[in-house]
């Protein structure tokens, strides 16, 4: 099992309660979707943060990633809500 740093941004950070943490992945073949599902089972604050998993955006080692992308040897996963701008 490998470890990855998971960073949370904006309201995800507020809901989870920490800016980042080290996560031991339960499986080697996990995708971003698998990680989000795993995180949402870690407690009420995580369930609240990831209640609508479809809107969560991700980056693997600072490169934007889709939910179907494998984590593989990633060192860092960033999770953030959709961005708006003007």
PDB file of N, CA and C in Angstrom:
ATOM      1  N   UNK A   1       0.836  -1.176   0.000  1.00  0.00           N
ATOM      2  CA  UNK A   1       0.000   0.000   0.000  1.00  0.00           C
ATOM      3  C   UNK A   1       0.885   1.244   0.000  1.00  0.00           C
ATOM      4  N   UNK A   2       0.469   2.220  -0.762  1.00  0.00           N
ATOM      5  CA  UNK A   2       1.273   3.431  -0.855  1.00  0.00           C
ATOM      6  C   UNK A   2       0.581   4.603  -0.155  1.00  0.00           C
ATOM      7  N   UNK A   3       1.393   5.609   0.131  1.00  0.00           N
ATOM      8  CA  UNK A   3       0.878   6.808   0.762  1.00  0.00           C
ATOM      9  C   UNK A   3       0.892   7.946  -0.233  1.00  0.00           C
ATOM     10  N   UNK A   4      -0.096   8.836  -0.092  1.00  0.00           N
ATOM     11  CA  UNK A   4      -0.194   9.997  -0.956  1.00  0.00           C
ATOM     12  C   UNK A   4      -0.616  11.187  -0.090  1.00  0.00           C
ATOM     13  N   UNK A   5      -0.112  12.361  -0.439  1.00  0.00           N
ATOM     14  CA  UNK A   5      -0.564  13.580   0.219  1.00  0.00           C
ATOM     15  C   UNK A   5      -1.815  14.052  -0.496  1.00  0.00           C
ATOM     16  N   UNK A   6      -2.886  14.253   0.266  1.00  0.00           N
ATOM     17  CA  UNK A   6      -4.131  14.774  -0.288  1.00  0.00           C
ATOM     18  C   UNK A   6      -4.288  16.197   0.225  1.00  0.00           C
ATOM     19  N   UNK A   7      -4.424  17.146  -0.712  1.00  0.00           N
ATOM     20  CA  UNK A   7      -4.606  18.553  -0.370  1.00  0.00           C
ATOM     21  C   UNK A   7      -6.039  18.954  -0.705  1.00  0.00           C
ATOM     22  N   UNK A   8      -6.647  19.700   0.206  1.00  0.00           N
ATOM     23  CA  UNK A   8      -8.022  20.158   0.043  1.00  0.00           C
ATOM     24  C   UNK A   8      -8.032  21.672  -0.119  1.00  0.00           C
ATOM     25  N   UNK A   9      -8.867  22.166  -1.015  1.00  0.00           N
ATOM     26  CA  UNK A   9      -8.924  23.594  -1.278  1.00  0.00           C
ATOM     27  C   UNK A   9     -10.343  24.129  -1.114  1.00  0.00           C
ATOM     28  N   UNK A  10     -10.417  25.431  -0.801  1.00  0.00           N
ATOM     29  CA  UNK A  10     -11.663  26.184  -0.685  1.00  0.00           C
ATOM     30  C   UNK A  10     -12.614  25.522   0.309  1.00  0.00           C
ATOM     31  N   UNK A  11     -13.883  25.374  -0.053  1.00  0.00           N
ATOM     32  CA  UNK A  11     -14.849  24.849   0.917  1.00  0.00           C
ATOM     33  C   UNK A  11     -14.635  23.367   1.218  1.00  0.00           C
ATOM     34  N   UNK A  12     -13.928  22.645   0.376  1.00  0.00           N
ATOM     35  CA  UNK A  12     -13.600  21.261   0.733  1.00  0.00           C
ATOM     36  C   UNK A  12     -12.688  21.244   1.960  1.00  0.00           C
ATOM     37  N   UNK A  13     -11.701  22.151   1.993  1.00  0.00           N
ATOM     38  CA  UNK A  13     -10.806  22.258   3.143  1.00  0.00           C
ATOM     39  C   UNK A  13     -11.592  22.621   4.405  1.00  0.00           C
ATOM     40  N   UNK A  14     -12.521  23.552   4.269  1.00  0.00           N
ATOM     41  CA  UNK A  14     -13.331  23.969   5.415  1.00  0.00           C
ATOM     42  C   UNK A  14     -14.178  22.816   5.939  1.00  0.00           C
ATOM     43  N   UNK A  15     -14.761  22.046   5.058  1.00  0.00           N
ATOM     44  CA  UNK A  15     -15.643  20.949   5.475  1.00  0.00           C
ATOM     45  C   UNK A  15     -14.865  19.765   6.037  1.00  0.00           C
ATOM     46  N   UNK A  16     -13.742  19.436   5.425  1.00  0.00           N
ATOM     47  CA  UNK A  16     -12.927  18.324   5.917  1.00  0.00           C
ATOM     48  C   UNK A  16     -12.260  18.714   7.236  1.00  0.00           C
ATOM     49  N   UNK A  17     -11.800  19.958   7.309  1.00  0.00           N
ATOM     50  CA  UNK A  17     -11.217  20.446   8.557  1.00  0.00           C
ATOM     51  C   UNK A  17      -9.703  20.498   8.600  1.00  0.00           C
ATOM     52  N   UNK A  18      -9.043  20.093   7.520  1.00  0.00           N
ATOM     53  CA  UNK A  18      -7.581  20.167   7.432  1.00  0.00           C
ATOM     54  C   UNK A  18      -7.197  20.590   6.013  1.00  0.00           C
ATOM     55  N   UNK A  19      -6.067  21.271   5.860  1.00  0.00           N
ATOM     56  CA  UNK A  19      -5.651  21.670   4.512  1.00  0.00           C
ATOM     57  C   UNK A  19      -5.040  20.523   3.705  1.00  0.00           C
ATOM     58  N   UNK A  20      -4.419  19.566   4.413  1.00  0.00           N
ATOM     59  CA  UNK A  20      -3.831  18.406   3.732  1.00  0.00           C
ATOM     60  C   UNK A  20      -3.583  17.303   4.742  1.00  0.00           C
ATOM     61  N   UNK A  21      -3.397  16.094   4.222  1.00  0.00           N
ATOM     62  CA  UNK A  21      -3.097  14.942   5.076  1.00  0.00           C
ATOM     63  C   UNK A  21      -2.476  13.838   4.243  1.00  0.00           C
ATOM     64  N   UNK A  22      -1.776  12.949   4.930  1.00  0.00           N
ATOM     65  CA  UNK A  22      -1.207  11.761   4.309  1.00  0.00           C
ATOM     66  C   UNK A  22      -2.260  10.644   4.396  1.00  0.00           C
ATOM     67  N   UNK A  23      -2.536  10.034   3.266  1.00  0.00           N
ATOM     68  CA  UNK A  23      -3.520   8.952   3.188  1.00  0.00           C
ATOM     69  C   UNK A  23      -2.807   7.692   2.708  1.00  0.00           C
ATOM     70  N   UNK A  24      -3.022   6.596   3.396  1.00  0.00           N
ATOM     71  CA  UNK A  24      -2.559   5.299   2.918  1.00  0.00           C
ATOM     72  C   UNK A  24      -3.653   4.733   2.033  1.00  0.00           C
ATOM     73  N   UNK A  25      -3.328   4.513   0.788  1.00  0.00           N
ATOM     74  CA  UNK A  25      -4.323   4.000  -0.163  1.00  0.00           C
ATOM     75  C   UNK A  25      -4.614   2.536   0.132  1.00  0.00           C
ATOM     76  N   UNK A  26      -5.890   2.163   0.207  1.00  0.00           N
ATOM     77  CA  UNK A  26      -6.225   0.779   0.517  1.00  0.00           C
ATOM     78  C   UNK A  26      -5.940  -0.203  -0.618  1.00  0.00           C
ATOM     79  N   UNK A  27      -5.836   0.333  -1.850  1.00  0.00           N
ATOM     80  CA  UNK A  27      -5.537  -0.516  -3.007  1.00  0.00           C
ATOM     81  C   UNK A  27      -4.570   0.203  -3.926  1.00  0.00           C
ATOM     82  N   UNK A  28      -3.787  -0.543  -4.647  1.00  0.00           N
ATOM     83  CA  UNK A  28      -2.813   0.043  -5.565  1.00  0.00           C
ATOM     84  C   UNK A  28      -3.451   0.538  -6.862  1.00  0.00           C
ATOM     85  N   UNK A  29      -4.605   0.008  -7.220  1.00  0.00           N
ATOM     86  CA  UNK A  29      -5.216   0.339  -8.512  1.00  0.00           C
ATOM     87  C   UNK A  29      -6.324   1.387  -8.403  1.00  0.00           C
ATOM     88  N   UNK A  30      -6.250   2.273  -7.435  1.00  0.00           N
ATOM     89  CA  UNK A  30      -7.317   3.252  -7.214  1.00  0.00           C
ATOM     90  C   UNK A  30      -7.306   4.371  -8.255  1.00  0.00           C
ATOM     91  N   UNK A  31      -8.502   4.861  -8.539  1.00  0.00           N
ATOM     92  CA  UNK A  31      -8.684   6.031  -9.387  1.00  0.00           C
ATOM     93  C   UNK A  31      -9.039   7.213  -8.489  1.00  0.00           C
ATOM     94  N   UNK A  32      -9.142   8.387  -9.075  1.00  0.00           N
ATOM     95  CA  UNK A  32      -9.591   9.558  -8.323  1.00  0.00           C
ATOM     96  C   UNK A  32     -10.985   9.295  -7.753  1.00  0.00           C
ATOM     97  N   UNK A  33     -11.876   8.709  -8.537  1.00  0.00           N
ATOM     98  CA  UNK A  33     -13.231   8.404  -8.050  1.00  0.00           C
ATOM     99  C   UNK A  33     -13.183   7.456  -6.862  1.00  0.00           C
ATOM    100  N   UNK A  34     -12.320   6.456  -6.916  1.00  0.00           N
ATOM    101  CA  UNK A  34     -12.173   5.526  -5.794  1.00  0.00           C
ATOM    102  C   UNK A  34     -11.679   6.249  -4.542  1.00  0.00           C
ATOM    103  N   UNK A  35     -10.721   7.165  -4.724  1.00  0.00           N
ATOM    104  CA  UNK A  35     -10.190   7.914  -3.585  1.00  0.00           C
ATOM    105  C   UNK A  35     -11.276   8.775  -2.953  1.00  0.00           C
ATOM    106  N   UNK A  36     -12.048   9.472  -3.771  1.00  0.00           N
ATOM    107  CA  UNK A  36     -13.116  10.320  -3.248  1.00  0.00           C
ATOM    108  C   UNK A  36     -14.148   9.476  -2.502  1.00  0.00           C
ATOM    109  N   UNK A  37     -14.507   8.328  -3.048  1.00  0.00           N
ATOM    110  CA  UNK A  37     -15.452   7.432  -2.367  1.00  0.00           C
ATOM    111  C   UNK A  37     -14.865   6.953  -1.042  1.00  0.00           C
ATOM    112  N   UNK A  38     -13.587   6.614  -1.038  1.00  0.00           N
ATOM    113  CA  UNK A  38     -12.911   6.174   0.187  1.00  0.00           C
ATOM    114  C   UNK A  38     -12.908   7.290   1.227  1.00  0.00           C
ATOM    115  N   UNK A  39     -12.576   8.500   0.807  1.00  0.00           N
ATOM    116  CA  UNK A  39     -12.553   9.629   1.732  1.00  0.00           C
ATOM    117  C   UNK A  39     -13.932   9.913   2.313  1.00  0.00           C
ATOM    118  N   UNK A  40     -14.965   9.793   1.496  1.00  0.00           N
ATOM    119  CA  UNK A  40     -16.318  10.120   1.958  1.00  0.00           C
ATOM    120  C   UNK A  40     -16.807   9.181   3.053  1.00  0.00           C
ATOM    121  N   UNK A  41     -16.122   8.052   3.223  1.00  0.00           N
ATOM    122  CA  UNK A  41     -16.491   7.088   4.264  1.00  0.00           C
ATOM    123  C   UNK A  41     -15.699   7.287   5.554  1.00  0.00           C
ATOM    124  N   UNK A  42     -14.860   8.309   5.618  1.00  0.00           N
ATOM    125  CA  UNK A  42     -13.982   8.501   6.778  1.00  0.00           C
ATOM    126  C   UNK A  42     -14.643   9.235   7.940  1.00  0.00           C
ATOM    127  N   UNK A  43     -15.852   9.717   7.770  1.00  0.00           N
ATOM    128  CA  UNK A  43     -16.535  10.417   8.852  1.00  0.00           C
ATOM    129  C   UNK A  43     -17.530  11.424   8.310  1.00  0.00           C
ATOM    130  N   UNK A  44     -18.281  12.031   9.217  1.00  0.00           N
ATOM    131  CA  UNK A  44     -19.339  12.967   8.816  1.00  0.00           C
ATOM    132  C   UNK A  44     -18.803  14.163   8.042  1.00  0.00           C
ATOM    133  N   UNK A  45     -17.680  14.721   8.489  1.00  0.00           N
ATOM    134  CA  UNK A  45     -17.139  15.888   7.796  1.00  0.00           C
ATOM    135  C   UNK A  45     -16.724  15.541   6.365  1.00  0.00           C
ATOM    136  N   UNK A  46     -16.173  14.359   6.154  1.00  0.00           N
ATOM    137  CA  UNK A  46     -15.801  13.934   4.804  1.00  0.00           C
ATOM    138  C   UNK A  46     -17.052  13.639   3.968  1.00  0.00           C
ATOM    139  N   UNK A  47     -18.025  12.988   4.567  1.00  0.00           N
ATOM    140  CA  UNK A  47     -19.275  12.701   3.852  1.00  0.00           C
ATOM    141  C   UNK A  47     -19.930  14.003   3.403  1.00  0.00           C
ATOM    142  N   UNK A  48     -19.900  15.014   4.264  1.00  0.00           N
ATOM    143  CA  UNK A  48     -20.465  16.320   3.930  1.00  0.00           C
ATOM    144  C   UNK A  48     -19.659  16.970   2.803  1.00  0.00           C
ATOM    145  N   UNK A  49     -18.343  16.926   2.901  1.00  0.00           N
ATOM    146  CA  UNK A  49     -17.482  17.549   1.886  1.00  0.00           C
ATOM    147  C   UNK A  49     -17.679  16.915   0.512  1.00  0.00           C
ATOM    148  N   UNK A  50     -17.878  15.606   0.489  1.00  0.00           N
ATOM    149  CA  UNK A  50     -17.964  14.888  -0.788  1.00  0.00           C
ATOM    150  C   UNK A  50     -19.373  14.386  -1.084  1.00  0.00           C
ATOM    151  N   UNK A  51     -20.380  15.075  -0.559  1.00  0.00           N
ATOM    152  CA  UNK A  51     -21.775  14.673  -0.768  1.00  0.00           C
ATOM    153  C   UNK A  51     -22.125  14.625  -2.257  1.00  0.00           C
ATOM    154  N   UNK A  52     -21.609  15.559  -3.029  1.00  0.00           N
ATOM    155  CA  UNK A  52     -21.807  15.539  -4.481  1.00  0.00           C
ATOM    156  C   UNK A  52     -20.433  15.350  -5.122  1.00  0.00           C
ATOM    157  N   UNK A  53     -20.038  14.123  -5.248  1.00  0.00           N
ATOM    158  CA  UNK A  53     -18.702  13.798  -5.746  1.00  0.00           C
ATOM    159  C   UNK A  53     -18.485  14.254  -7.184  1.00  0.00           C
ATOM    160  N   UNK A  54     -19.564  14.405  -7.941  1.00  0.00           N
ATOM    161  CA  UNK A  54     -19.436  14.746  -9.361  1.00  0.00           C
ATOM    162  C   UNK A  54     -18.890  16.153  -9.590  1.00  0.00           C
ATOM    163  N   UNK A  55     -19.000  17.036  -8.599  1.00  0.00           N
ATOM    164  CA  UNK A  55     -18.517  18.407  -8.812  1.00  0.00           C
ATOM    165  C   UNK A  55     -17.081  18.606  -8.338  1.00  0.00           C
ATOM    166  N   UNK A  56     -16.531  17.620  -7.659  1.00  0.00           N
ATOM    167  CA  UNK A  56     -15.169  17.731  -7.149  1.00  0.00           C
ATOM    168  C   UNK A  56     -14.177  17.612  -8.305  1.00  0.00           C
ATOM    169  N   UNK A  57     -13.260  18.549  -8.364  1.00  0.00           N
ATOM    170  CA  UNK A  57     -12.201  18.533  -9.363  1.00  0.00           C
ATOM    171  C   UNK A  57     -10.931  17.995  -8.714  1.00  0.00           C
ATOM    172  N   UNK A  58     -10.008  17.497  -9.535  1.00  0.00           N
ATOM    173  CA  UNK A  58      -8.804  16.888  -8.975  1.00  0.00           C
ATOM    174  C   UNK A  58      -7.587  17.197  -9.843  1.00  0.00           C
ATOM    175  N   UNK A  59      -6.442  17.092  -9.195  1.00  0.00           N
ATOM    176  CA  UNK A  59      -5.167  17.164  -9.894  1.00  0.00           C
ATOM    177  C   UNK A  59      -4.263  16.092  -9.299  1.00  0.00           C
ATOM    178  N   UNK A  60      -3.529  15.423 -10.160  1.00  0.00           N
ATOM    179  CA  UNK A  60      -2.543  14.426  -9.747  1.00  0.00           C
ATOM    180  C   UNK A  60      -1.169  15.029 -10.016  1.00  0.00           C
ATOM    181  N   UNK A  61      -0.395  15.204  -8.962  1.00  0.00           N
ATOM    182  CA  UNK A  61       0.928  15.825  -9.079  1.00  0.00           C
ATOM    183  C   UNK A  61       0.879  17.100  -9.922  1.00  0.00           C
ATOM    184  N   UNK A  62      -0.090  17.947  -9.618  1.00  0.00           N
ATOM    185  CA  UNK A  62      -0.291  19.278 -10.191  1.00  0.00           C
ATOM    186  C   UNK A  62      -0.726  19.285 -11.656  1.00  0.00           C
ATOM    187  N   UNK A  63      -1.282  18.165 -12.114  1.00  0.00           N
ATOM    188  CA  UNK A  63      -1.850  18.102 -13.463  1.00  0.00           C
ATOM    189  C   UNK A  63      -3.328  17.737 -13.326  1.00  0.00           C
ATOM    190  N   UNK A  64      -4.198  18.506 -13.969  1.00  0.00           N
ATOM    191  CA  UNK A  64      -5.624  18.227 -13.881  1.00  0.00           C
ATOM    192  C   UNK A  64      -5.900  16.775 -14.249  1.00  0.00           C
ATOM    193  N   UNK A  65      -6.861  16.176 -13.528  1.00  0.00           N
ATOM    194  CA  UNK A  65      -7.162  14.756 -13.730  1.00  0.00           C
ATOM    195  C   UNK A  65      -8.672  14.538 -13.726  1.00  0.00           C
ATOM    196  N   UNK A  66      -9.098  13.527 -14.459  1.00  0.00           N
ATOM    197  CA  UNK A  66     -10.497  13.099 -14.459  1.00  0.00           C
ATOM    198  C   UNK A  66     -10.710  12.078 -13.351  1.00  0.00           C
ATOM    199  N   UNK A  67     -11.961  11.881 -12.985  1.00  0.00           N
ATOM    200  CA  UNK A  67     -12.287  10.916 -11.931  1.00  0.00           C
ATOM    201  C   UNK A  67     -11.869   9.492 -12.297  1.00  0.00           C
ATOM    202  N   UNK A  68     -11.793   9.186 -13.569  1.00  0.00           N
ATOM    203  CA  UNK A  68     -11.425   7.835 -14.000  1.00  0.00           C
ATOM    204  C   UNK A  68      -9.919   7.619 -14.061  1.00  0.00           C
ATOM    205  N   UNK A  69      -9.143   8.678 -13.863  1.00  0.00           N
ATOM    206  CA  UNK A  69      -7.688   8.554 -13.960  1.00  0.00           C
ATOM    207  C   UNK A  69      -7.110   7.772 -12.780  1.00  0.00           C
ATOM    208  N   UNK A  70      -6.175   6.868 -13.059  1.00  0.00           N
ATOM    209  CA  UNK A  70      -5.540   6.108 -11.975  1.00  0.00           C
ATOM    210  C   UNK A  70      -4.568   6.977 -11.180  1.00  0.00           C
ATOM    211  N   UNK A  71      -4.480   6.700  -9.899  1.00  0.00           N
ATOM    212  CA  UNK A  71      -3.570   7.442  -9.024  1.00  0.00           C
ATOM    213  C   UNK A  71      -2.150   6.936  -9.194  1.00  0.00           C
ATOM    214  N   UNK A  72      -1.982   5.637  -9.330  1.00  0.00           N
ATOM    215  CA  UNK A  72      -0.691   4.964  -9.528  1.00  0.00           C
ATOM    216  C   UNK A  72       0.373   5.448  -8.548  1.00  0.00           C
ATOM    217  N   UNK A  73       1.445   6.041  -9.026  1.00  0.00           N
ATOM    218  CA  UNK A  73       2.584   6.442  -8.191  1.00  0.00           C
ATOM    219  C   UNK A  73       2.525   7.907  -7.770  1.00  0.00           C
ATOM    220  N   UNK A  74       1.351   8.486  -7.734  1.00  0.00           N
ATOM    221  CA  UNK A  74       1.228   9.905  -7.409  1.00  0.00           C
ATOM    222  C   UNK A  74       1.784  10.205  -6.025  1.00  0.00           C
ATOM    223  N   UNK A  75       2.365  11.373  -5.904  1.00  0.00           N
ATOM    224  CA  UNK A  75       2.831  11.834  -4.603  1.00  0.00           C
ATOM    225  C   UNK A  75       1.820  12.777  -3.977  1.00  0.00           C
ATOM    226  N   UNK A  76       1.052  13.479  -4.840  1.00  0.00           N
ATOM    227  CA  UNK A  76       0.112  14.484  -4.342  1.00  0.00           C
ATOM    228  C   UNK A  76      -1.182  14.456  -5.149  1.00  0.00           C
ATOM    229  N   UNK A  77      -2.293  14.483  -4.441  1.00  0.00           N
ATOM    230  CA  UNK A  77      -3.613  14.627  -5.061  1.00  0.00           C
ATOM    231  C   UNK A  77      -4.221  15.894  -4.494  1.00  0.00           C
ATOM    232  N   UNK A  78      -4.642  16.801  -5.360  1.00  0.00           N
ATOM    233  CA  UNK A  78      -5.339  18.016  -4.929  1.00  0.00           C
ATOM    234  C   UNK A  78      -6.809  17.862  -5.273  1.00  0.00           C
ATOM    235  N   UNK A  79      -7.661  18.190  -4.324  1.00  0.00           N
ATOM    236  CA  UNK A  79      -9.108  18.125  -4.532  1.00  0.00           C
ATOM    237  C   UNK A  79      -9.680  19.521  -4.292  1.00  0.00           C
ATOM    238  N   UNK A  80     -10.513  19.966  -5.217  1.00  0.00           N
ATOM    239  CA  UNK A  80     -11.052  21.314  -5.110  1.00  0.00           C
ATOM    240  C   UNK A  80     -12.416  21.392  -5.769  1.00  0.00           C
ATOM    241  N   UNK A  81     -13.218  22.377  -5.349  1.00  0.00           N
ATOM    242  CA  UNK A  81     -14.545  22.561  -5.964  1.00  0.00           C
ATOM    243  C   UNK A  81     -14.408  23.245  -7.319  1.00  0.00           C
ATOM    244  N   UNK A  82     -15.499  23.281  -8.072  1.00  0.00           N
ATOM    245  CA  UNK A  82     -15.452  23.986  -9.355  1.00  0.00           C
ATOM    246  C   UNK A  82     -15.092  25.463  -9.124  1.00  0.00           C
ATOM    247  N   UNK A  83     -14.370  26.014 -10.045  1.00  0.00           N
ATOM    248  CA  UNK A  83     -13.950  27.411  -9.929  1.00  0.00           C
ATOM    249  C   UNK A  83     -14.836  28.284 -10.805  1.00  0.00           C
ATOM    250  N   UNK A  84     -15.081  29.477 -10.318  1.00  0.00           N
ATOM    251  CA  UNK A  84     -15.764  30.475 -11.126  1.00  0.00           C
ATOM    252  C   UNK A  84     -14.871  31.689 -11.167  1.00  0.00           C
ATOM    253  N   UNK A  85     -15.032  32.485 -12.135  1.00  0.00           N
ATOM    254  CA  UNK A  85     -14.183  33.664 -12.241  1.00  0.00           C
ATOM    255  C   UNK A  85     -14.871  34.775 -12.992  1.00  0.00           C
ATOM    256  N   UNK A  86     -14.201  35.831 -13.058  1.00  0.00           N
ATOM    257  CA  UNK A  86     -14.798  36.963 -13.743  1.00  0.00           C
ATOM    258  C   UNK A  86     -13.757  37.848 -14.335  1.00  0.00           C
TER     259      UNK A  86
END
